[in-house]
Protein backbone atom coordinates (compact mmCIF):
# COMPACT_ATOMS: atom_id res chain seq x y z
CA MET A 1 -25.51 6.29 0.59
CA THR A 2 -27.68 4.35 -1.84
CA ILE A 3 -26.28 4.01 -5.35
CA LYS A 4 -28.35 3.59 -8.52
CA THR A 5 -26.30 2.04 -11.16
CA THR A 6 -27.23 -0.25 -14.15
CA ALA A 7 -23.78 -1.75 -14.74
CA ALA A 8 -20.72 -3.01 -12.86
CA LEU A 9 -17.21 -2.66 -14.09
CA GLY A 10 -14.54 -5.01 -12.59
CA ILE A 11 -10.93 -4.11 -13.05
CA ASP A 12 -8.01 -6.43 -12.53
CA ILE A 13 -5.00 -4.22 -12.36
CA SER A 14 -1.33 -5.01 -12.76
CA LYS A 15 1.82 -2.93 -13.24
CA ASN A 16 1.74 -2.76 -17.07
CA ASP A 17 -1.90 -3.29 -17.99
CA PHE A 18 -5.41 -4.01 -16.73
CA ASP A 19 -8.38 -6.18 -17.66
CA VAL A 20 -11.88 -4.92 -17.37
CA ALA A 21 -15.25 -6.69 -17.42
CA LEU A 22 -18.38 -4.75 -17.86
CA LEU A 23 -21.40 -6.60 -16.39
CA ARG A 24 -24.77 -5.39 -17.68
CA LEU A 25 -28.06 -7.24 -17.97
CA ASN A 26 -26.21 -10.52 -16.85
CA LYS A 27 -23.83 -10.27 -19.84
CA PHE A 28 -20.08 -9.55 -19.81
CA LYS A 29 -18.00 -7.43 -22.14
CA ASN A 30 -14.22 -7.76 -21.73
CA LYS A 31 -11.27 -5.68 -22.78
CA LYS A 32 -7.52 -5.25 -21.84
CA PHE A 33 -5.84 -1.84 -21.74
CA VAL A 34 -2.40 -0.50 -21.04
CA ASN A 35 -1.98 0.94 -17.55
CA ASN A 36 -1.21 4.55 -18.53
CA SER A 37 -3.10 7.75 -19.46
CA LYS A 38 -3.66 6.55 -23.00
CA GLY A 39 -5.17 3.33 -21.80
CA PHE A 40 -7.48 5.22 -19.40
CA SER A 41 -8.77 7.37 -22.35
CA GLN A 42 -9.29 4.22 -24.39
CA LEU A 43 -11.24 2.65 -21.62
CA ALA A 44 -13.50 5.71 -21.45
CA SER A 45 -14.07 5.62 -25.22
CA TRP A 46 -14.74 1.92 -25.09
CA LEU A 47 -17.46 2.33 -22.47
CA LYS A 48 -18.94 5.15 -24.44
CA GLY A 49 -19.03 2.97 -27.51
CA LEU A 50 -20.94 0.33 -25.56
CA GLY A 51 -23.56 3.04 -24.72
CA VAL A 52 -22.87 3.43 -20.97
CA SER A 53 -22.04 6.68 -19.27
CA ALA A 54 -20.31 7.36 -15.99
CA PRO A 55 -23.39 7.73 -13.60
CA GLU A 56 -24.56 4.28 -14.65
CA VAL A 57 -21.37 2.39 -13.91
CA HIS A 58 -20.09 1.27 -10.53
CA VAL A 59 -16.40 0.52 -10.78
CA ALA A 60 -14.62 -1.85 -8.48
CA MET A 61 -10.95 -2.88 -8.25
CA GLN A 62 -8.76 -4.55 -5.69
CA ALA A 63 -6.33 -2.39 -3.67
CA LYS A 64 -2.96 -3.10 -5.23
CA GLY A 65 -0.91 -0.12 -3.99
CA VAL A 66 0.32 2.32 -6.56
CA TYR A 67 -0.71 0.26 -9.70
CA GLY A 68 -4.39 1.22 -9.46
CA GLU A 69 -4.28 4.73 -8.10
CA SER A 70 -4.03 6.54 -11.46
CA VAL A 71 -6.95 4.73 -13.13
CA ALA A 72 -9.04 5.03 -10.04
CA THR A 73 -8.45 8.77 -9.92
CA PHE A 74 -9.10 9.16 -13.59
CA LEU A 75 -12.44 7.33 -13.43
CA HIS A 76 -13.46 9.24 -10.31
CA ASP A 77 -12.72 12.57 -12.08
CA GLN A 78 -14.90 11.30 -15.01
CA GLY A 79 -17.82 10.91 -12.65
CA PHE A 80 -17.74 7.20 -12.12
CA TYR A 81 -18.61 5.64 -8.70
CA VAL A 82 -15.30 3.92 -7.88
CA SER A 83 -14.68 1.43 -5.01
CA VAL A 84 -11.22 0.20 -4.15
CA VAL A 85 -11.65 -2.95 -2.07
CA ASN A 86 -9.42 -5.31 0.01
CA GLY A 87 -8.38 -8.26 -2.12
CA ALA A 88 -9.32 -10.65 0.75
CA ARG A 89 -13.08 -9.67 0.26
CA VAL A 90 -12.87 -10.45 -3.47
CA LYS A 91 -11.05 -13.78 -2.82
CA GLY A 92 -13.66 -14.77 -0.31
CA PHE A 93 -16.41 -13.90 -2.76
CA ALA A 94 -14.72 -16.02 -5.49
CA GLN A 95 -14.44 -18.97 -3.12
CA SER A 96 -18.16 -18.62 -2.27
CA GLU A 97 -18.87 -19.12 -6.01
CA LEU A 98 -16.53 -22.14 -6.10
CA SER A 99 -14.51 -20.42 -8.76
CA ARG A 100 -11.43 -22.36 -9.80
CA THR A 101 -10.22 -20.50 -12.86
CA ASN A 102 -7.59 -17.87 -12.18
CA THR A 103 -6.76 -15.58 -15.21
CA ASP A 104 -6.80 -11.80 -15.39
CA LYS A 105 -10.01 -11.85 -17.63
CA LYS A 106 -11.83 -14.13 -15.19
CA ASP A 107 -10.67 -12.20 -12.17
CA ALA A 108 -12.13 -9.03 -13.71
CA CYS A 109 -15.37 -10.90 -14.15
CA VAL A 110 -15.28 -11.95 -10.50
CA ILE A 111 -14.74 -8.42 -9.33
CA ALA A 112 -17.62 -7.19 -11.48
CA ARG A 113 -19.94 -9.84 -9.92
CA PHE A 114 -18.69 -8.85 -6.53
CA CYS A 115 -19.41 -5.28 -7.23
CA GLU A 116 -22.94 -5.92 -8.51
CA ALA A 117 -23.80 -8.19 -5.49
CA LEU A 118 -22.26 -6.36 -2.55
CA LYS A 119 -22.12 -2.76 -3.82
CA PRO A 120 -18.90 -1.71 -1.87
CA THR A 121 -18.67 1.94 -0.74
CA GLN A 122 -17.05 4.60 -2.79
CA GLY A 123 -13.46 5.48 -2.08
CA VAL A 124 -12.07 9.04 -1.81
CA PRO A 125 -9.39 9.74 -4.39
CA THR A 126 -5.93 10.54 -3.16
CA ALA A 127 -5.05 14.22 -2.93
CA LYS A 128 -2.65 15.58 -5.54
CA GLU A 129 0.11 16.37 -3.02
CA ILE A 130 -0.04 12.77 -1.64
CA ARG A 131 0.13 11.29 -5.18
CA GLU A 132 3.09 13.50 -5.93
CA LEU A 133 4.75 12.40 -2.60
CA LYS A 134 4.20 8.74 -3.46
CA ALA A 135 5.73 9.32 -6.83
CA LEU A 136 8.78 10.93 -5.26
CA PHE A 137 9.11 8.07 -2.79
CA ARG A 138 8.82 5.43 -5.45
CA ARG A 139 11.61 7.17 -7.32
CA LEU A 140 13.76 7.16 -4.19
CA GLU A 141 13.12 3.40 -3.70
CA ALA A 142 14.04 2.67 -7.34
CA LEU A 143 17.30 4.62 -7.06
CA GLN A 144 18.13 2.89 -3.79
CA GLU A 145 17.54 -0.54 -5.37
CA ALA A 146 19.73 0.42 -8.33
CA LEU A 147 22.51 1.56 -5.98
CA GLN A 148 22.49 -1.79 -4.19
CA GLU A 149 22.69 -3.58 -7.47
CA MET A 150 25.65 -1.48 -8.60
CA LEU A 151 27.42 -2.02 -5.28
CA GLN A 152 26.97 -5.73 -5.67
CA GLN A 153 28.35 -5.54 -9.22
CA GLU A 154 31.37 -3.63 -7.98
CA GLN A 155 31.94 -6.27 -5.29
CA ASN A 156 31.78 -9.06 -7.87
CA ARG A 157 34.24 -7.35 -10.23
CA VAL A 158 36.76 -6.86 -7.44
CA ALA A 159 36.35 -10.57 -6.46
CA ASP A 160 37.03 -11.47 -10.10
CA SER A 161 40.04 -9.18 -10.35
CA ASP A 162 38.34 -7.63 -13.39
CA SER A 163 39.23 -3.98 -13.00
CA ILE A 164 38.56 -2.67 -16.50
CA LEU A 165 34.90 -1.83 -15.64
CA LEU A 166 35.48 -0.52 -12.15
CA PRO A 167 35.84 3.20 -13.12
CA GLU A 168 32.52 3.04 -15.07
CA ILE A 169 30.77 1.25 -12.14
CA GLU A 170 32.17 3.74 -9.63
CA ASP A 171 31.04 6.69 -11.74
CA HIS A 172 27.54 5.18 -11.92
CA ILE A 173 27.52 4.69 -8.23
CA THR A 174 28.57 8.26 -7.58
CA ASP A 175 25.73 9.48 -9.93
CA LEU A 176 23.19 7.26 -8.11
CA LYS A 177 24.18 8.60 -4.64
CA LEU A 178 23.76 12.16 -5.98
CA ARG A 179 20.37 11.32 -7.40
CA ILE A 180 19.30 9.81 -4.09
CA LYS A 181 20.42 12.86 -2.28
CA GLN A 182 18.53 15.11 -4.68
CA THR A 183 15.39 13.03 -4.45
CA LYS A 184 15.51 13.08 -0.71
CA GLN A 185 15.81 16.98 -0.89
CA ALA A 186 12.90 17.03 -3.30
CA ILE A 187 10.80 14.99 -0.76
CA ASP A 188 11.69 17.40 2.05
CA ASP A 189 10.87 20.42 -0.14
CA HIS A 190 7.56 18.89 -1.20
CA ILE A 191 6.56 18.28 2.35
CA ASP A 192 7.59 21.88 3.37
CA ASN A 193 5.35 23.24 0.61
CA TYR A 194 2.23 21.84 2.36
CA PRO A 195 1.60 22.90 5.95
CA LYS A 196 -0.52 19.89 6.75
CA LEU A 197 2.22 17.53 5.49
CA GLY A 198 4.85 19.46 7.37
CA LYS A 199 2.92 19.30 10.68
CA GLN A 200 2.24 15.57 10.26
CA HIS A 201 5.89 14.98 9.32
CA GLU A 202 6.93 16.51 12.70
CA LEU A 203 4.44 14.46 14.56
CA LEU A 204 5.67 11.24 13.00
CA GLU A 205 9.35 12.03 13.65
CA SER A 206 8.49 12.50 17.35
CA ILE A 207 7.89 8.73 17.53
CA PRO A 208 11.12 6.83 18.56
CA GLY A 209 11.98 4.52 15.68
CA VAL A 210 10.51 6.75 13.01
CA GLY A 211 13.16 8.73 11.01
CA PRO A 212 12.82 11.27 8.19
CA THR A 213 12.58 8.75 5.32
CA THR A 214 10.16 6.39 7.17
CA SER A 215 8.12 9.50 8.04
CA ALA A 216 7.87 10.53 4.35
CA MET A 217 6.82 6.97 3.43
CA LEU A 218 4.15 6.99 6.13
CA LEU A 219 2.75 10.32 5.03
CA SER A 220 2.36 8.92 1.52
CA ALA A 221 0.20 6.09 2.97
CA PHE A 222 -1.54 7.52 6.04
CA SER A 223 -1.70 11.34 5.59
CA ASN A 224 -5.56 11.02 5.50
CA VAL A 225 -5.82 9.16 8.81
CA GLU A 226 -9.61 9.59 8.54
CA ASP A 227 -9.59 6.74 5.98
CA PHE A 228 -9.22 4.37 8.95
CA SER A 229 -11.88 4.13 11.72
CA SER A 230 -9.33 2.47 14.12
CA ALA A 231 -5.74 1.62 14.64
CA LYS A 232 -6.63 -2.06 14.06
CA LYS A 233 -7.91 -1.26 10.56
CA MET A 234 -4.76 0.68 9.78
CA ALA A 235 -2.70 -2.36 10.83
CA ALA A 236 -4.89 -4.64 8.73
CA PHE A 237 -4.29 -2.37 5.73
CA CYS A 238 -0.60 -3.14 6.22
CA GLY A 239 -1.24 -6.87 6.61
CA LEU A 240 -0.01 -6.80 10.14
CA THR A 241 -2.94 -8.39 11.93
CA PRO A 242 -2.40 -11.96 13.26
CA ARG A 243 -4.10 -14.86 11.50
CA GLN A 244 -5.11 -17.84 13.62
CA ARG A 245 -5.07 -21.41 12.28
CA GLN A 246 -7.39 -23.40 14.52
CA SER A 247 -10.10 -25.90 13.61
CA GLY A 248 -11.79 -28.03 16.29
CA SER A 249 -9.28 -29.88 18.42
CA SER A 250 -7.01 -31.20 15.75
CA ILE A 251 -5.66 -28.15 14.04
CA ARG A 252 -3.92 -25.51 16.20
CA GLY A 253 -1.26 -23.91 14.06
CA ARG A 254 1.00 -20.97 15.23
CA ALA A 255 -0.58 -17.55 14.60
CA LYS A 256 1.16 -15.65 11.75
CA LEU A 257 0.83 -12.16 10.16
CA SER A 258 -2.01 -12.20 7.67
CA LYS A 259 0.10 -10.38 4.96
CA ILE A 260 -3.27 -9.40 3.35
CA GLY A 261 -2.26 -5.79 2.70
CA ASP A 262 0.39 -3.53 1.35
CA SER A 263 3.64 -5.42 1.12
CA ARG A 264 5.67 -2.25 0.50
CA LEU A 265 4.44 -0.79 3.80
CA ARG A 266 5.44 -3.96 5.64
CA LYS A 267 8.85 -3.93 4.16
CA SER A 268 9.29 -0.21 5.03
CA LEU A 269 8.21 -0.75 8.55
CA PHE A 270 10.53 -3.65 9.34
CA PHE A 271 13.70 -1.75 10.23
CA PRO A 272 11.88 1.08 12.01
CA ALA A 273 10.28 -1.62 14.25
CA ILE A 274 13.77 -3.05 14.97
CA VAL A 275 14.97 0.47 16.02
CA ALA A 276 11.80 1.01 18.08
CA MET A 277 12.50 -2.23 19.97
CA GLN A 278 15.67 -0.53 21.21
CA HIS A 279 14.55 3.09 21.75
CA ASN A 280 10.74 3.22 22.05
CA PRO A 281 9.66 2.73 25.66
CA ILE A 282 6.26 1.26 24.81
CA ILE A 283 7.63 -1.30 22.33
CA ILE A 284 10.61 -2.11 24.62
CA ALA A 285 8.18 -3.04 27.45
CA MET A 286 6.10 -5.12 24.98
CA LYS A 287 9.21 -6.93 23.70
CA LYS A 288 10.19 -7.83 27.32
CA ARG A 289 6.72 -9.23 28.03
CA LEU A 290 6.80 -11.33 24.85
CA LEU A 291 10.38 -12.62 25.53
CA LYS A 292 9.40 -13.52 29.13
CA ALA A 293 6.39 -15.47 27.61
CA GLY A 294 8.78 -17.42 25.41
CA LYS A 295 7.75 -15.97 22.02
CA CYS A 296 10.11 -16.30 19.06
CA LYS A 297 12.04 -13.43 17.60
CA MET A 298 10.19 -12.92 14.35
CA LEU A 299 6.80 -13.03 16.17
CA ILE A 300 8.06 -10.21 18.46
CA VAL A 301 9.25 -8.26 15.43
CA GLY A 302 5.81 -8.55 13.79
CA ALA A 303 4.13 -7.49 17.10
CA ALA A 304 6.49 -4.51 17.21
CA MET A 305 5.51 -3.52 13.66
CA ARG A 306 1.90 -3.70 14.56
CA LYS A 307 2.31 -1.77 17.78
CA LEU A 308 4.29 0.89 15.86
CA VAL A 309 1.36 1.33 13.50
CA HIS A 310 -1.01 1.70 16.48
CA ILE A 311 1.20 4.46 17.84
CA ILE A 312 1.44 6.21 14.36
CA TYR A 313 -2.38 6.12 14.29
CA GLY A 314 -2.72 7.62 17.72
CA VAL A 315 -0.25 10.43 16.99
CA LEU A 316 -1.89 11.39 13.66
CA LYS A 317 -5.44 11.01 15.00
CA THR A 318 -4.88 13.16 18.09
CA ARG A 319 -2.50 15.54 16.23
CA THR A 320 -0.28 15.26 19.30
CA PRO A 321 3.55 14.50 19.43
CA PHE A 322 4.51 11.18 20.85
CA ASN A 323 3.88 10.91 24.59
CA GLU A 324 4.57 7.63 26.27
CA ASN A 325 1.60 7.89 28.66
CA LEU A 326 -0.84 9.09 25.95
CA SER A 327 0.35 6.48 23.48
CA ARG A 328 -0.20 3.68 25.96
CA ALA A 329 -3.80 4.75 26.20
CA THR A 330 -4.44 5.09 22.35
CA ALA A 331 -2.15 2.45 20.83
């Protein structure tokens, strides 16, 4: 699809705010906004005040998980052409320009120049039910992190023989456990309310190593498997592809995970991969081959995570429950 725009808008997003750079006629206009609905409306008003409308502007931002989803959806709904790109592409573009300055304002300018020069393809906004599932899962993660913190506090109090705060801490722990249980139930209810999600949930749970919580997390990331043209690209999205370090005959470093991708997904896939190394026949066989070849433990875990993503892709793509023979052919 050929796009006809007269301006490029680069957005450097973070948790609490975002910087924008409007590039038009080789001149920049910069502004910072709060990363919430009020900030999105202020951005639209700012652009209108500069005399540019939605069809004229090609927006680009780096893929930074949940931080940029809301503003990307807002701008798409307003009629803007929005591209969410891998940060590695922007970094490579910046290096090609010999850019040495690294501030949010300058990063937004680099993204705008990248957008103008390379015209990345438009992304499809995340469906409402997936955005809601992601919000529920983020809430679950926050509660689980709070519970771990409170458990550590309780352990410290006991070690210090300071019992005066124990009843309060224990009440808080009980409340957090209840909230976690309620949130898990809300996630299950949400999935049951959407037949497509329910079917995909069953498919994912058929994979040895993938439990209910991991399945919900995977649905929030991979429900629209058509976003990925191959299992390798899905693995790259998670930052699970190997990165070689080799130059001529003098530099031959050990291959490592690229980690250019969603860190939350990698974290969530770590323990399922450990379980899969014990119960998933495909990954067990792979682990044995790598152990025989003398590979180190963490390399094997990384390979197991990557293989698990390949299996997930195959199950969702074929809409078929896990089958050892079929998965060997598609993973």
